[in-house]
Amino acid sequence: MRASHLLIKHSGSRNPLSRRTNQSTADTSPAAAAAELTEIATKINKDNFAQMSFARSDCGSFKQGGDLGEFGPGAMMKPFEDAVRSLAIGEISGLVETDSGTHLIMRTA
């Protein structure tokens, strides 16, 4: 499998530090993260996913446009992996919550 994602970390994240800004996200509530991603979801598509992830994701993968590379079973948190498995290639998920924060995920392979 291969996927890209846009992650917004929040106060419930296991490590609430944005890898893009190096700032704490502990003041961001899970509801605020979900609201922001819901707004982003109205604008994101497979053609601009990498650009939008680069501009906003709190994961270190923002530098690669959210690309996480290839991974096998058990390499990602279960909710993330389950979401990727449910997507067709090129399809973008709804909001997915993991211990890392709230994600939009695009399956790329």
PDB file of N, CA and C in Angstrom:
ATOM      1  N   MET A   1       0.848  -1.179   0.000  1.00  0.00           N
ATOM      2  CA  MET A   1       0.000   0.000   0.000  1.00  0.00           C
ATOM      3  C   MET A   1       0.891   1.238   0.000  1.00  0.00           C
ATOM      4  N   ARG A   2       0.316   2.315  -0.483  1.00  0.00           N
ATOM      5  CA  ARG A   2       0.999   3.599  -0.427  1.00  0.00           C
ATOM      6  C   ARG A   2      -0.060   4.678  -0.267  1.00  0.00           C
ATOM      7  N   ALA A   3       0.248   5.687   0.546  1.00  0.00           N
ATOM      8  CA  ALA A   3      -0.718   6.754   0.796  1.00  0.00           C
ATOM      9  C   ALA A   3      -0.002   8.057   1.115  1.00  0.00           C
ATOM     10  N   SER A   4      -0.740   9.122   0.923  1.00  0.00           N
ATOM     11  CA  SER A   4      -0.335  10.449   1.369  1.00  0.00           C
ATOM     12  C   SER A   4      -1.381  10.908   2.374  1.00  0.00           C
ATOM     13  N   HIS A   5      -0.997  11.822   3.245  1.00  0.00           N
ATOM     14  CA  HIS A   5      -1.991  12.323   4.198  1.00  0.00           C
ATOM     15  C   HIS A   5      -1.707  13.782   4.542  1.00  0.00           C
ATOM     16  N   LEU A   6      -2.736  14.385   5.083  1.00  0.00           N
ATOM     17  CA  LEU A   6      -2.643  15.723   5.650  1.00  0.00           C
ATOM     18  C   LEU A   6      -3.094  15.551   7.090  1.00  0.00           C
ATOM     19  N   LEU A   7      -2.208  15.825   8.023  1.00  0.00           N
ATOM     20  CA  LEU A   7      -2.447  15.615   9.451  1.00  0.00           C
ATOM     21  C   LEU A   7      -2.555  16.951  10.165  1.00  0.00           C
ATOM     22  N   ILE A   8      -3.586  17.080  10.983  1.00  0.00           N
ATOM     23  CA  ILE A   8      -3.661  18.210  11.902  1.00  0.00           C
ATOM     24  C   ILE A   8      -3.600  17.640  13.307  1.00  0.00           C
ATOM     25  N   LYS A   9      -2.542  17.990  14.006  1.00  0.00           N
ATOM     26  CA  LYS A   9      -2.365  17.562  15.391  1.00  0.00           C
ATOM     27  C   LYS A   9      -3.182  18.477  16.300  1.00  0.00           C
ATOM     28  N   HIS A  10      -3.517  17.960  17.487  1.00  0.00           N
ATOM     29  CA  HIS A  10      -4.321  18.717  18.436  1.00  0.00           C
ATOM     30  C   HIS A  10      -3.963  18.308  19.859  1.00  0.00           C
ATOM     31  N   SER A  11      -4.696  18.825  20.816  1.00  0.00           N
ATOM     32  CA  SER A  11      -4.385  18.576  22.226  1.00  0.00           C
ATOM     33  C   SER A  11      -4.441  17.095  22.596  1.00  0.00           C
ATOM     34  N   GLY A  12      -5.187  16.300  21.858  1.00  0.00           N
ATOM     35  CA  GLY A  12      -5.275  14.873  22.128  1.00  0.00           C
ATOM     36  C   GLY A  12      -4.228  14.039  21.408  1.00  0.00           C
ATOM     37  N   SER A  13      -3.381  14.676  20.616  1.00  0.00           N
ATOM     38  CA  SER A  13      -2.345  13.949  19.885  1.00  0.00           C
ATOM     39  C   SER A  13      -1.276  13.445  20.849  1.00  0.00           C
ATOM     40  N   ARG A  14      -0.738  12.262  20.569  1.00  0.00           N
ATOM     41  CA  ARG A  14       0.278  11.700  21.466  1.00  0.00           C
ATOM     42  C   ARG A  14       1.530  12.572  21.522  1.00  0.00           C
ATOM     43  N   ASN A  15       1.817  13.307  20.472  1.00  0.00           N
ATOM     44  CA  ASN A  15       2.943  14.245  20.436  1.00  0.00           C
ATOM     45  C   ASN A  15       2.449  15.527  19.768  1.00  0.00           C
ATOM     46  N   PRO A  16       1.864  16.440  20.545  1.00  0.00           N
ATOM     47  CA  PRO A  16       1.252  17.626  19.939  1.00  0.00           C
ATOM     48  C   PRO A  16       2.266  18.708  19.529  1.00  0.00           C
ATOM     49  N   LEU A  17       3.182  18.315  18.658  1.00  0.00           N
ATOM     50  CA  LEU A  17       4.165  19.252  18.130  1.00  0.00           C
ATOM     51  C   LEU A  17       4.130  19.163  16.608  1.00  0.00           C
ATOM     52  N   SER A  18       3.866  20.285  15.968  1.00  0.00           N
ATOM     53  CA  SER A  18       3.832  20.299  14.515  1.00  0.00           C
ATOM     54  C   SER A  18       5.237  20.150  13.972  1.00  0.00           C
ATOM     55  N   ARG A  19       5.436  19.204  13.070  1.00  0.00           N
ATOM     56  CA  ARG A  19       6.740  19.027  12.428  1.00  0.00           C
ATOM     57  C   ARG A  19       6.961  20.074  11.340  1.00  0.00           C
ATOM     58  N   ARG A  20       5.890  20.744  10.933  1.00  0.00           N
ATOM     59  CA  ARG A  20       6.015  21.793   9.917  1.00  0.00           C
ATOM     60  C   ARG A  20       6.451  23.112  10.552  1.00  0.00           C
ATOM     61  N   THR A  21       5.863  23.456  11.699  1.00  0.00           N
ATOM     62  CA  THR A  21       6.142  24.750  12.322  1.00  0.00           C
ATOM     63  C   THR A  21       7.036  24.658  13.557  1.00  0.00           C
ATOM     64  N   ASN A  22       7.225  23.435  14.073  1.00  0.00           N
ATOM     65  CA  ASN A  22       7.926  23.215  15.340  1.00  0.00           C
ATOM     66  C   ASN A  22       7.252  23.919  16.512  1.00  0.00           C
ATOM     67  N   GLN A  23       5.949  24.168  16.392  1.00  0.00           N
ATOM     68  CA  GLN A  23       5.162  24.795  17.457  1.00  0.00           C
ATOM     69  C   GLN A  23       4.221  23.759  18.069  1.00  0.00           C
ATOM     70  N   SER A  24       3.895  23.948  19.337  1.00  0.00           N
ATOM     71  CA  SER A  24       2.960  23.062  20.014  1.00  0.00           C
ATOM     72  C   SER A  24       1.555  23.241  19.446  1.00  0.00           C
ATOM     73  N   THR A  25       0.830  22.145  19.362  1.00  0.00           N
ATOM     74  CA  THR A  25      -0.575  22.191  18.951  1.00  0.00           C
ATOM     75  C   THR A  25      -1.483  21.881  20.136  1.00  0.00           C
ATOM     76  N   ALA A  26      -0.934  21.918  21.346  1.00  0.00           N
ATOM     77  CA  ALA A  26      -1.686  21.570  22.553  1.00  0.00           C
ATOM     78  C   ALA A  26      -2.871  22.496  22.798  1.00  0.00           C
ATOM     79  N   ASP A  27      -2.869  23.683  22.201  1.00  0.00           N
ATOM     80  CA  ASP A  27      -3.995  24.610  22.363  1.00  0.00           C
ATOM     81  C   ASP A  27      -5.092  24.387  21.326  1.00  0.00           C
ATOM     82  N   THR A  28      -4.870  23.462  20.395  1.00  0.00           N
ATOM     83  CA  THR A  28      -5.869  23.158  19.373  1.00  0.00           C
ATOM     84  C   THR A  28      -6.729  21.998  19.862  1.00  0.00           C
ATOM     85  N   SER A  29      -8.025  22.214  19.950  1.00  0.00           N
ATOM     86  CA  SER A  29      -8.913  21.140  20.403  1.00  0.00           C
ATOM     87  C   SER A  29      -9.144  20.143  19.269  1.00  0.00           C
ATOM     88  N   PRO A  30      -9.497  18.912  19.597  1.00  0.00           N
ATOM     89  CA  PRO A  30      -9.853  17.953  18.548  1.00  0.00           C
ATOM     90  C   PRO A  30     -10.983  18.477  17.656  1.00  0.00           C
ATOM     91  N   ALA A  31     -11.939  19.173  18.243  1.00  0.00           N
ATOM     92  CA  ALA A  31     -13.056  19.726  17.459  1.00  0.00           C
ATOM     93  C   ALA A  31     -12.571  20.795  16.487  1.00  0.00           C
ATOM     94  N   ALA A  32     -11.622  21.619  16.914  1.00  0.00           N
ATOM     95  CA  ALA A  32     -11.085  22.661  16.024  1.00  0.00           C
ATOM     96  C   ALA A  32     -10.294  22.024  14.886  1.00  0.00           C
ATOM     97  N   ALA A  33      -9.536  20.978  15.191  1.00  0.00           N
ATOM     98  CA  ALA A  33      -8.792  20.274  14.135  1.00  0.00           C
ATOM     99  C   ALA A  33      -9.762  19.665  13.127  1.00  0.00           C
ATOM    100  N   ALA A  34     -10.828  19.043  13.617  1.00  0.00           N
ATOM    101  CA  ALA A  34     -11.823  18.436  12.730  1.00  0.00           C
ATOM    102  C   ALA A  34     -12.519  19.501  11.886  1.00  0.00           C
ATOM    103  N   ALA A  35     -12.824  20.644  12.477  1.00  0.00           N
ATOM    104  CA  ALA A  35     -13.483  21.719  11.726  1.00  0.00           C
ATOM    105  C   ALA A  35     -12.564  22.239  10.620  1.00  0.00           C
ATOM    106  N   GLU A  36     -11.295  22.413  10.930  1.00  0.00           N
ATOM    107  CA  GLU A  36     -10.354  22.895   9.914  1.00  0.00           C
ATOM    108  C   GLU A  36     -10.208  21.871   8.786  1.00  0.00           C
ATOM    109  N   LEU A  37     -10.086  20.595   9.134  1.00  0.00           N
ATOM    110  CA  LEU A  37      -9.956  19.571   8.096  1.00  0.00           C
ATOM    111  C   LEU A  37     -11.232  19.417   7.278  1.00  0.00           C
ATOM    112  N   THR A  38     -12.371  19.607   7.901  1.00  0.00           N
ATOM    113  CA  THR A  38     -13.641  19.556   7.165  1.00  0.00           C
ATOM    114  C   THR A  38     -13.665  20.647   6.108  1.00  0.00           C
ATOM    115  N   GLU A  39     -13.170  21.817   6.447  1.00  0.00           N
ATOM    116  CA  GLU A  39     -13.088  22.924   5.482  1.00  0.00           C
ATOM    117  C   GLU A  39     -12.085  22.587   4.372  1.00  0.00           C
ATOM    118  N   ILE A  40     -10.935  22.065   4.740  1.00  0.00           N
ATOM    119  CA  ILE A  40      -9.927  21.684   3.745  1.00  0.00           C
ATOM    120  C   ILE A  40     -10.492  20.624   2.809  1.00  0.00           C
ATOM    121  N   ALA A  41     -11.265  19.690   3.363  1.00  0.00           N
ATOM    122  CA  ALA A  41     -11.830  18.592   2.558  1.00  0.00           C
ATOM    123  C   ALA A  41     -12.719  19.103   1.424  1.00  0.00           C
ATOM    124  N   THR A  42     -13.295  20.285   1.583  1.00  0.00           N
ATOM    125  CA  THR A  42     -14.152  20.834   0.524  1.00  0.00           C
ATOM    126  C   THR A  42     -13.325  21.356  -0.645  1.00  0.00           C
ATOM    127  N   LYS A  43     -12.032  21.536  -0.440  1.00  0.00           N
ATOM    128  CA  LYS A  43     -11.161  22.137  -1.458  1.00  0.00           C
ATOM    129  C   LYS A  43     -10.104  21.188  -2.005  1.00  0.00           C
ATOM    130  N   ILE A  44      -9.857  20.098  -1.299  1.00  0.00           N
ATOM    131  CA  ILE A  44      -8.743  19.223  -1.672  1.00  0.00           C
ATOM    132  C   ILE A  44      -9.196  18.183  -2.695  1.00  0.00           C
ATOM    133  N   ASN A  45      -8.290  17.844  -3.598  1.00  0.00           N
ATOM    134  CA  ASN A  45      -8.549  16.783  -4.570  1.00  0.00           C
ATOM    135  C   ASN A  45      -7.214  16.120  -4.908  1.00  0.00           C
ATOM    136  N   LYS A  46      -7.254  15.085  -5.742  1.00  0.00           N
ATOM    137  CA  LYS A  46      -6.009  14.358  -6.002  1.00  0.00           C
ATOM    138  C   LYS A  46      -4.973  15.216  -6.718  1.00  0.00           C
ATOM    139  N   ASP A  47      -5.408  16.251  -7.426  1.00  0.00           N
ATOM    140  CA  ASP A  47      -4.463  17.114  -8.148  1.00  0.00           C
ATOM    141  C   ASP A  47      -3.766  18.128  -7.248  1.00  0.00           C
ATOM    142  N   ASN A  48      -4.402  18.537  -6.142  1.00  0.00           N
ATOM    143  CA  ASN A  48      -3.774  19.536  -5.270  1.00  0.00           C
ATOM    144  C   ASN A  48      -3.440  18.984  -3.883  1.00  0.00           C
ATOM    145  N   PHE A  49      -3.603  17.675  -3.698  1.00  0.00           N
ATOM    146  CA  PHE A  49      -3.384  17.079  -2.376  1.00  0.00           C
ATOM    147  C   PHE A  49      -1.982  17.371  -1.859  1.00  0.00           C
ATOM    148  N   ALA A  50      -0.968  17.127  -2.674  1.00  0.00           N
ATOM    149  CA  ALA A  50       0.423  17.334  -2.241  1.00  0.00           C
ATOM    150  C   ALA A  50       0.672  18.795  -1.876  1.00  0.00           C
ATOM    151  N   GLN A  51       0.168  19.705  -2.677  1.00  0.00           N
ATOM    152  CA  GLN A  51       0.351  21.136  -2.404  1.00  0.00           C
ATOM    153  C   GLN A  51      -0.326  21.535  -1.094  1.00  0.00           C
ATOM    154  N   MET A  52      -1.537  21.043  -0.872  1.00  0.00           N
ATOM    155  CA  MET A  52      -2.253  21.398   0.356  1.00  0.00           C
ATOM    156  C   MET A  52      -1.622  20.751   1.583  1.00  0.00           C
ATOM    157  N   SER A  53      -1.119  19.538   1.431  1.00  0.00           N
ATOM    158  CA  SER A  53      -0.434  18.885   2.545  1.00  0.00           C
ATOM    159  C   SER A  53       0.856  19.643   2.883  1.00  0.00           C
ATOM    160  N   PHE A  54       1.598  20.027   1.860  1.00  0.00           N
ATOM    161  CA  PHE A  54       2.825  20.789   2.086  1.00  0.00           C
ATOM    162  C   PHE A  54       2.523  22.088   2.846  1.00  0.00           C
ATOM    163  N   ALA A  55       1.423  22.732   2.509  1.00  0.00           N
ATOM    164  CA  ALA A  55       1.076  24.020   3.114  1.00  0.00           C
ATOM    165  C   ALA A  55       0.530  23.902   4.529  1.00  0.00           C
ATOM    166  N   ARG A  56      -0.080  22.722   4.898  1.00  0.00           N
ATOM    167  CA  ARG A  56      -0.769  22.685   6.189  1.00  0.00           C
ATOM    168  C   ARG A  56      -0.462  21.498   7.105  1.00  0.00           C
ATOM    169  N   SER A  57      -0.009  20.383   6.601  1.00  0.00           N
ATOM    170  CA  SER A  57       0.128  19.197   7.441  1.00  0.00           C
ATOM    171  C   SER A  57       1.117  19.399   8.578  1.00  0.00           C
ATOM    172  N   ASP A  58       0.804  18.810   9.724  1.00  0.00           N
ATOM    173  CA  ASP A  58       1.682  18.865  10.894  1.00  0.00           C
ATOM    174  C   ASP A  58       2.640  17.679  10.958  1.00  0.00           C
ATOM    175  N   CYS A  59       2.576  16.772   9.983  1.00  0.00           N
ATOM    176  CA  CYS A  59       3.478  15.614   9.929  1.00  0.00           C
ATOM    177  C   CYS A  59       4.750  15.999   9.181  1.00  0.00           C
ATOM    178  N   GLY A  60       5.843  15.373   9.545  1.00  0.00           N
ATOM    179  CA  GLY A  60       7.099  15.617   8.845  1.00  0.00           C
ATOM    180  C   GLY A  60       7.034  15.269   7.368  1.00  0.00           C
ATOM    181  N   SER A  61       6.065  14.458   6.980  1.00  0.00           N
ATOM    182  CA  SER A  61       5.890  14.111   5.570  1.00  0.00           C
ATOM    183  C   SER A  61       5.394  15.290   4.739  1.00  0.00           C
ATOM    184  N   PHE A  62       5.070  16.418   5.378  1.00  0.00           N
ATOM    185  CA  PHE A  62       4.631  17.599   4.619  1.00  0.00           C
ATOM    186  C   PHE A  62       5.671  17.958   3.565  1.00  0.00           C
ATOM    187  N   LYS A  63       6.946  17.690   3.861  1.00  0.00           N
ATOM    188  CA  LYS A  63       8.027  18.036   2.929  1.00  0.00           C
ATOM    189  C   LYS A  63       7.918  17.260   1.621  1.00  0.00           C
ATOM    190  N   GLN A  64       7.271  16.085   1.685  1.00  0.00           N
ATOM    191  CA  GLN A  64       7.059  15.260   0.494  1.00  0.00           C
ATOM    192  C   GLN A  64       5.599  15.348   0.026  1.00  0.00           C
ATOM    193  N   GLY A  65       4.929  16.426   0.388  1.00  0.00           N
ATOM    194  CA  GLY A  65       3.524  16.574   0.009  1.00  0.00           C
ATOM    195  C   GLY A  65       2.623  15.564   0.683  1.00  0.00           C
ATOM    196  N   GLY A  66       3.042  15.087   1.839  1.00  0.00           N
ATOM    197  CA  GLY A  66       2.260  14.130   2.607  1.00  0.00           C
ATOM    198  C   GLY A  66       2.520  12.677   2.259  1.00  0.00           C
ATOM    199  N   ASP A  67       3.384  12.425   1.287  1.00  0.00           N
ATOM    200  CA  ASP A  67       3.652  11.054   0.841  1.00  0.00           C
ATOM    201  C   ASP A  67       4.346  10.274   1.947  1.00  0.00           C
ATOM    202  N   LEU A  68       3.744   9.153   2.334  1.00  0.00           N
ATOM    203  CA  LEU A  68       4.306   8.294   3.372  1.00  0.00           C
ATOM    204  C   LEU A  68       5.088   7.125   2.805  1.00  0.00           C
ATOM    205  N   GLY A  69       5.142   7.015   1.477  1.00  0.00           N
ATOM    206  CA  GLY A  69       5.834   5.903   0.859  1.00  0.00           C
ATOM    207  C   GLY A  69       5.035   4.620   0.985  1.00  0.00           C
ATOM    208  N   GLU A  70       5.654   3.521   0.600  1.00  0.00           N
ATOM    209  CA  GLU A  70       4.990   2.225   0.672  1.00  0.00           C
ATOM    210  C   GLU A  70       5.093   1.673   2.084  1.00  0.00           C
ATOM    211  N   PHE A  71       4.047   0.957   2.493  1.00  0.00           N
ATOM    212  CA  PHE A  71       4.043   0.331   3.808  1.00  0.00           C
ATOM    213  C   PHE A  71       3.190  -0.932   3.749  1.00  0.00           C
ATOM    214  N   GLY A  72       3.506  -1.846   4.635  1.00  0.00           N
ATOM    215  CA  GLY A  72       2.793  -3.113   4.686  1.00  0.00           C
ATOM    216  C   GLY A  72       1.862  -3.184   5.873  1.00  0.00           C
ATOM    217  N   PRO A  73       1.189  -4.312   6.007  1.00  0.00           N
ATOM    218  CA  PRO A  73       0.264  -4.510   7.124  1.00  0.00           C
ATOM    219  C   PRO A  73       0.958  -4.312   8.471  1.00  0.00           C
ATOM    220  N   GLY A  74       0.295  -3.594   9.360  1.00  0.00           N
ATOM    221  CA  GLY A  74       0.805  -3.373  10.700  1.00  0.00           C
ATOM    222  C   GLY A  74       1.794  -2.237  10.842  1.00  0.00           C
ATOM    223  N   ALA A  75       2.173  -1.598   9.743  1.00  0.00           N
ATOM    224  CA  ALA A  75       3.157  -0.511   9.815  1.00  0.00           C
ATOM    225  C   ALA A  75       2.536   0.800  10.290  1.00  0.00           C
ATOM    226  N   MET A  76       1.252   0.967  10.073  1.00  0.00           N
ATOM    227  CA  MET A  76       0.548   2.195  10.474  1.00  0.00           C
ATOM    228  C   MET A  76      -0.459   1.848  11.571  1.00  0.00           C
ATOM    229  N   MET A  77      -0.933   2.873  12.266  1.00  0.00           N
ATOM    230  CA  MET A  77      -1.971   2.650  13.263  1.00  0.00           C
ATOM    231  C   MET A  77      -3.202   2.052  12.587  1.00  0.00           C
ATOM    232  N   LYS A  78      -3.890   1.184  13.306  1.00  0.00           N
ATOM    233  CA  LYS A  78      -5.010   0.442  12.730  1.00  0.00           C
ATOM    234  C   LYS A  78      -6.060   1.335  12.076  1.00  0.00           C
ATOM    235  N   PRO A  79      -6.526   2.430  12.706  1.00  0.00           N
ATOM    236  CA  PRO A  79      -7.530   3.252  12.026  1.00  0.00           C
ATOM    237  C   PRO A  79      -7.020   3.832  10.700  1.00  0.00           C
ATOM    238  N   PHE A  80      -5.733   4.165  10.664  1.00  0.00           N
ATOM    239  CA  PHE A  80      -5.136   4.702   9.440  1.00  0.00           C
ATOM    240  C   PHE A  80      -5.081   3.615   8.375  1.00  0.00           C
ATOM    241  N   GLU A  81      -4.558   2.453   8.744  1.00  0.00           N
ATOM    242  CA  GLU A  81      -4.452   1.356   7.787  1.00  0.00           C
ATOM    243  C   GLU A  81      -5.833   0.932   7.283  1.00  0.00           C
ATOM    244  N   ASP A  82      -6.795   0.848   8.183  1.00  0.00           N
ATOM    245  CA  ASP A  82      -8.152   0.474   7.780  1.00  0.00           C
ATOM    246  C   ASP A  82      -8.716   1.470   6.775  1.00  0.00           C
ATOM    247  N   ALA A  83      -8.460   2.753   7.003  1.00  0.00           N
ATOM    248  CA  ALA A  83      -8.937   3.780   6.075  1.00  0.00           C
ATOM    249  C   ALA A  83      -8.273   3.626   4.709  1.00  0.00           C
ATOM    250  N   VAL A  84      -6.964   3.404   4.697  1.00  0.00           N
ATOM    251  CA  VAL A  84      -6.254   3.239   3.422  1.00  0.00           C
ATOM    252  C   VAL A  84      -6.810   2.032   2.672  1.00  0.00           C
ATOM    253  N   ARG A  85      -7.001   0.922   3.364  1.00  0.00           N
ATOM    254  CA  ARG A  85      -7.520  -0.290   2.724  1.00  0.00           C
ATOM    255  C   ARG A  85      -8.905  -0.073   2.119  1.00  0.00           C
ATOM    256  N   SER A  86      -9.688   0.814   2.717  1.00  0.00           N
ATOM    257  CA  SER A  86     -11.060   1.032   2.236  1.00  0.00           C
ATOM    258  C   SER A  86     -11.126   1.952   1.015  1.00  0.00           C
ATOM    259  N   LEU A  87     -10.010   2.606   0.696  1.00  0.00           N
ATOM    260  CA  LEU A  87      -9.989   3.570  -0.400  1.00  0.00           C
ATOM    261  C   LEU A  87      -9.543   2.934  -1.710  1.00  0.00           C
ATOM    262  N   ALA A  88     -10.113   3.418  -2.795  1.00  0.00           N
ATOM    263  CA  ALA A  88      -9.594   3.085  -4.121  1.00  0.00           C
ATOM    264  C   ALA A  88      -8.385   3.982  -4.386  1.00  0.00           C
ATOM    265  N   ILE A  89      -7.512   3.573  -5.264  1.00  0.00           N
ATOM    266  CA  ILE A  89      -6.358   4.401  -5.613  1.00  0.00           C
ATOM    267  C   ILE A  89      -6.862   5.731  -6.177  1.00  0.00           C
ATOM    268  N   GLY A  90      -6.338   6.830  -5.635  1.00  0.00           N
ATOM    269  CA  GLY A  90      -6.741   8.170  -6.038  1.00  0.00           C
ATOM    270  C   GLY A  90      -7.885   8.736  -5.223  1.00  0.00           C
ATOM    271  N   GLU A  91      -8.494   7.911  -4.375  1.00  0.00           N
ATOM    272  CA  GLU A  91      -9.621   8.364  -3.543  1.00  0.00           C
ATOM    273  C   GLU A  91      -9.113   8.979  -2.253  1.00  0.00           C
ATOM    274  N   ILE A  92      -9.846   9.968  -1.752  1.00  0.00           N
ATOM    275  CA  ILE A  92      -9.496  10.674  -0.520  1.00  0.00           C
ATOM    276  C   ILE A  92     -10.516  10.318   0.550  1.00  0.00           C
ATOM    277  N   SER A  93     -10.033  10.036   1.735  1.00  0.00           N
ATOM    278  CA  SER A  93     -10.885   9.644   2.858  1.00  0.00           C
ATOM    279  C   SER A  93     -11.655  10.834   3.414  1.00  0.00           C
ATOM    280  N   GLY A  94     -12.584  10.514   4.277  1.00  0.00           N
ATOM    281  CA  GLY A  94     -13.140  11.498   5.186  1.00  0.00           C
ATOM    282  C   GLY A  94     -12.162  11.663   6.327  1.00  0.00           C
ATOM    283  N   LEU A  95     -12.574  12.323   7.383  1.00  0.00           N
ATOM    284  CA  LEU A  95     -11.696  12.524   8.529  1.00  0.00           C
ATOM    285  C   LEU A  95     -11.417  11.195   9.217  1.00  0.00           C
ATOM    286  N   VAL A  96     -10.134  10.964   9.533  1.00  0.00           N
ATOM    287  CA  VAL A  96      -9.701   9.754  10.212  1.00  0.00           C
ATOM    288  C   VAL A  96      -8.943  10.181  11.463  1.00  0.00           C
ATOM    289  N   GLU A  97      -9.372   9.682  12.601  1.00  0.00           N
ATOM    290  CA  GLU A  97      -8.750  10.035  13.880  1.00  0.00           C
ATOM    291  C   GLU A  97      -7.824   8.903  14.320  1.00  0.00           C
ATOM    292  N   THR A  98      -6.582   9.265  14.673  1.00  0.00           N
ATOM    293  CA  THR A  98      -5.628   8.313  15.250  1.00  0.00           C
ATOM    294  C   THR A  98      -4.983   8.970  16.466  1.00  0.00           C
ATOM    295  N   ASP A  99      -4.078   8.257  17.101  1.00  0.00           N
ATOM    296  CA  ASP A  99      -3.343   8.831  18.234  1.00  0.00           C
ATOM    297  C   ASP A  99      -2.478  10.013  17.809  1.00  0.00           C
ATOM    298  N   SER A 100      -2.194  10.121  16.520  1.00  0.00           N
ATOM    299  CA  SER A 100      -1.373  11.228  16.021  1.00  0.00           C
ATOM    300  C   SER A 100      -2.175  12.505  15.828  1.00  0.00           C
ATOM    301  N   GLY A 101      -3.468  12.392  15.580  1.00  0.00           N
ATOM    302  CA  GLY A 101      -4.317  13.552  15.313  1.00  0.00           C
ATOM    303  C   GLY A 101      -5.387  13.183  14.303  1.00  0.00           C
ATOM    304  N   THR A 102      -5.812  14.182  13.541  1.00  0.00           N
ATOM    305  CA  THR A 102      -6.885  14.005  12.569  1.00  0.00           C
ATOM    306  C   THR A 102      -6.304  14.107  11.166  1.00  0.00           C
ATOM    307  N   HIS A 103      -6.661  13.155  10.300  1.00  0.00           N
ATOM    308  CA  HIS A 103      -6.063  13.028   8.968  1.00  0.00           C
ATOM    309  C   HIS A 103      -7.100  13.105   7.859  1.00  0.00           C
ATOM    310  N   LEU A 104      -6.655  13.563   6.706  1.00  0.00           N
ATOM    311  CA  LEU A 104      -7.263  13.256   5.421  1.00  0.00           C
ATOM    312  C   LEU A 104      -6.230  12.385   4.732  1.00  0.00           C
ATOM    313  N   ILE A 105      -6.665  11.301   4.127  1.00  0.00           N
ATOM    314  CA  ILE A 105      -5.748  10.333   3.524  1.00  0.00           C
ATOM    315  C   ILE A 105      -6.118  10.124   2.071  1.00  0.00           C
ATOM    316  N   MET A 106      -5.105  10.084   1.214  1.00  0.00           N
ATOM    317  CA  MET A 106      -5.311   9.729  -0.187  1.00  0.00           C
ATOM    318  C   MET A 106      -4.497   8.484  -0.474  1.00  0.00           C
ATOM    319  N   ARG A 107      -5.172   7.450  -0.946  1.00  0.00           N
ATOM    320  CA  ARG A 107      -4.452   6.230  -1.329  1.00  0.00           C
ATOM    321  C   ARG A 107      -3.811   6.448  -2.681  1.00  0.00           C
ATOM    322  N   THR A 108      -2.525   6.123  -2.785  1.00  0.00           N
ATOM    323  CA  THR A 108      -1.794   6.351  -4.034  1.00  0.00           C
ATOM    324  C   THR A 108      -1.341   5.046  -4.691  1.00  0.00           C
ATOM    325  N   ALA A 109      -1.396   3.944  -3.993  1.00  0.00           N
ATOM    326  CA  ALA A 109      -1.075   2.630  -4.595  1.00  0.00           C
ATOM    327  C   ALA A 109      -1.618   1.526  -3.710  1.00  0.00           C
TER     328      ALA A 109
END
